[in-house]
Amino acid sequence: MLGAIVVIAENGAIGNKGGLLCHLPADLKHFKSVTMGCPIIMGRKTFDSLPKGALPGRLNVVVTRNEDFAAPDVVVCHSIDEALDATANAEKRFVIGGAQLYAATIDRVDELHLTLLHATFPEADAFFPAIIPEQWREVSREGHKADERNQFDYTFVTLKRVE
């Protein structure tokens, strides 16, 4: 199973200036629980945005065109196909960003784990590709209100590709 996991604002935004749209601790906890033990596939810019480098407890696969790129605890691949081949034996694996990687893999993904952020970020410069509703069925939805730690209302939604 190939999944994608992402936080999406109401305007389709997923990032700004190489970083997340906002700090949402509940989503970070959700991300960890969904991806723990599974390979995660990311672009080099997404990897560079991780504050402590490779995420523990998961095989970190970085897709980059830079032939000289190397980082500790990371498998470097130079194409999406190479990354998918490198993780083919995993029961579940996840694309975790950025926008270019999501756009290049959206047609291959079996499952979407979305955190719908009930806010708009006009300054955003990275966006998730269009989700065509007819291609997906919702299998779970869990709404949450903003609180002292999470500044915006948000909803966890899981979609599976219609076969």
Protein backbone atom coordinates (compact mmCIF):
# COMPACT_ATOMS: atom_id res chain seq x y z
CA MET A 1 0.00 0.00 0.00
CA LEU A 2 1.26 3.43 -0.96
CA GLY A 3 -0.19 6.24 1.09
CA ALA A 4 0.28 9.97 1.25
CA ILE A 5 -0.02 11.98 4.44
CA VAL A 6 -0.40 15.75 4.42
CA VAL A 7 -1.87 18.81 6.14
CA ILE A 8 -4.01 20.81 3.71
CA ALA A 9 -5.51 24.24 4.35
CA GLU A 10 -8.86 25.27 2.90
CA ASN A 11 -7.12 26.93 -0.06
CA GLY A 12 -5.19 23.72 -0.88
CA ALA A 13 -2.01 25.09 0.68
CA ILE A 14 0.50 22.71 2.25
CA GLY A 15 3.55 24.88 2.85
CA ASN A 16 5.26 28.22 2.83
CA LYS A 17 8.92 29.06 2.24
CA GLY A 18 10.03 25.46 2.68
CA GLY A 19 8.19 24.90 5.95
CA LEU A 20 4.85 23.89 7.36
CA LEU A 21 1.94 26.33 7.35
CA CYS A 22 1.74 26.35 11.14
CA HIS A 23 2.68 24.37 14.23
CA LEU A 24 -0.10 21.87 14.99
CA PRO A 25 1.09 19.46 17.73
CA ALA A 26 -1.95 17.18 17.33
CA ASP A 27 -1.05 16.64 13.68
CA LEU A 28 2.58 15.86 14.51
CA LYS A 29 1.35 13.19 16.94
CA HIS A 30 -1.08 11.86 14.31
CA PHE A 31 1.67 11.81 11.67
CA LYS A 32 3.94 9.82 13.97
CA SER A 33 1.22 7.28 14.84
CA VAL A 34 0.29 6.71 11.18
CA THR A 35 3.82 6.46 9.78
CA MET A 36 5.77 4.78 12.61
CA GLY A 37 7.47 1.63 11.41
CA CYS A 38 6.75 2.39 7.75
CA PRO A 39 9.08 3.76 5.08
CA ILE A 40 8.54 7.46 4.41
CA ILE A 41 9.37 8.93 1.02
CA MET A 42 10.12 12.63 0.74
CA GLY A 43 11.76 15.17 -1.49
CA ARG A 44 15.08 16.73 -0.53
CA LYS A 45 13.50 20.06 0.45
CA THR A 46 11.12 18.26 2.81
CA PHE A 47 14.06 16.40 4.31
CA ASP A 48 15.93 19.70 4.73
CA SER A 49 12.93 21.10 6.65
CA LEU A 50 13.12 18.36 9.31
CA PRO A 51 14.67 20.01 12.36
CA LYS A 52 16.63 16.95 13.53
CA GLY A 53 17.25 15.13 10.25
CA ALA A 54 15.93 11.62 9.60
CA LEU A 55 12.80 10.70 11.52
CA PRO A 56 13.38 7.82 13.94
CA GLY A 57 11.53 4.51 13.70
CA ARG A 58 11.01 4.74 9.95
CA LEU A 59 13.09 4.11 6.85
CA ASN A 60 13.69 7.62 5.49
CA VAL A 61 13.90 7.73 1.68
CA VAL A 62 14.88 11.04 0.07
CA VAL A 63 14.26 11.61 -3.64
CA THR A 64 16.65 14.11 -5.18
CA ARG A 65 18.20 14.88 -8.54
CA ASN A 66 21.42 15.88 -6.76
CA GLU A 67 23.83 12.98 -7.37
CA ASP A 68 26.08 14.19 -4.51
CA PHE A 69 23.37 14.37 -1.82
CA ALA A 70 23.97 12.24 1.26
CA ALA A 71 22.64 12.39 4.81
CA PRO A 72 22.88 10.15 7.87
CA ASP A 73 20.21 7.45 8.28
CA VAL A 74 18.73 8.13 4.84
CA VAL A 75 18.33 6.08 1.67
CA VAL A 76 18.93 8.41 -1.28
CA CYS A 77 17.05 7.76 -4.54
CA HIS A 78 17.23 9.74 -7.74
CA SER A 79 13.72 9.04 -9.05
CA ILE A 80 10.28 8.22 -7.72
CA ASP A 81 10.44 4.80 -9.34
CA GLU A 82 13.73 4.10 -7.57
CA ALA A 83 12.18 5.15 -4.23
CA LEU A 84 9.14 2.96 -4.81
CA ASP A 85 11.38 0.02 -5.76
CA ALA A 86 13.50 0.58 -2.63
CA THR A 87 10.38 0.33 -0.44
CA ALA A 88 8.45 -2.28 -2.46
CA ASN A 89 8.69 -4.97 0.23
CA ALA A 90 7.01 -2.81 2.87
CA GLU A 91 3.37 -3.51 3.67
CA LYS A 92 2.74 0.24 3.98
CA ARG A 93 4.81 3.21 2.85
CA PHE A 94 4.02 6.90 2.81
CA VAL A 95 4.81 9.90 0.65
CA ILE A 96 5.25 12.80 3.08
CA GLY A 97 6.01 15.71 0.74
CA GLY A 98 6.67 18.08 -0.75
CA ALA A 99 4.37 19.44 -3.39
CA GLN A 100 6.36 18.11 -6.36
CA LEU A 101 6.46 14.60 -4.93
CA TYR A 102 2.74 14.64 -4.11
CA ALA A 103 1.95 15.80 -7.66
CA ALA A 104 4.16 13.10 -9.16
CA THR A 105 2.67 10.28 -7.05
CA ILE A 106 -1.01 11.22 -6.59
CA ASP A 107 -2.07 8.81 -9.35
CA ARG A 108 -0.16 5.94 -7.69
CA VAL A 109 -1.38 6.49 -4.13
CA ASP A 110 -3.90 4.02 -2.66
CA GLU A 111 -4.72 5.95 0.50
CA LEU A 112 -4.71 9.60 1.57
CA HIS A 113 -4.30 10.60 5.21
CA LEU A 114 -5.38 14.22 5.30
CA THR A 115 -5.35 16.73 8.10
CA LEU A 116 -7.79 19.34 6.87
CA LEU A 117 -6.79 22.63 8.45
CA HIS A 118 -9.83 24.89 8.80
CA ALA A 119 -7.95 28.04 7.88
CA THR A 120 -6.61 29.77 4.78
CA PHE A 121 -3.01 30.79 4.24
CA PRO A 122 -2.83 33.38 1.44
CA GLU A 123 0.98 33.61 1.74
CA ALA A 124 1.43 29.87 1.02
CA ASP A 125 3.62 28.88 -1.91
CA ALA A 126 3.16 25.08 -2.00
CA PHE A 127 -0.11 23.33 -2.79
CA PHE A 128 -1.49 19.78 -2.86
CA PRO A 129 -2.69 18.49 -6.24
CA ALA A 130 -6.44 18.42 -6.87
CA ILE A 131 -8.25 15.50 -5.25
CA ILE A 132 -10.84 14.17 -7.70
CA PRO A 133 -13.75 13.12 -5.44
CA GLU A 134 -14.96 10.32 -7.74
CA GLN A 135 -11.62 8.54 -7.32
CA TRP A 136 -11.83 8.32 -3.52
CA ARG A 137 -14.11 7.07 -0.76
CA GLU A 138 -13.94 8.37 2.78
CA VAL A 139 -13.22 5.71 5.37
CA SER A 140 -12.76 7.85 8.47
CA ARG A 141 -13.27 11.41 9.72
CA GLU A 142 -12.44 12.87 13.11
CA GLY A 143 -13.04 16.58 13.77
CA HIS A 144 -11.23 18.64 16.41
CA LYS A 145 -11.60 22.17 17.72
CA ALA A 146 -8.72 24.54 18.29
CA ASP A 147 -7.33 24.47 21.82
CA GLU A 148 -4.47 25.90 23.86
CA ARG A 149 -1.93 23.86 21.86
CA ASN A 150 -3.54 23.77 18.41
CA GLN A 151 -4.42 27.18 17.08
CA PHE A 152 -6.87 26.09 14.34
CA ASP A 153 -9.81 23.70 14.01
CA TYR A 154 -8.76 20.60 12.05
CA THR A 155 -10.14 17.30 10.82
CA PHE A 156 -8.34 14.00 10.26
CA VAL A 157 -9.74 12.32 7.13
CA THR A 158 -8.68 9.06 5.51
CA LEU A 159 -9.59 8.39 1.89
CA LYS A 160 -9.08 5.14 -0.04
CA ARG A 161 -8.88 4.99 -3.79
CA VAL A 162 -12.00 3.61 -5.46
CA GLU A 163 -11.11 0.43 -7.34
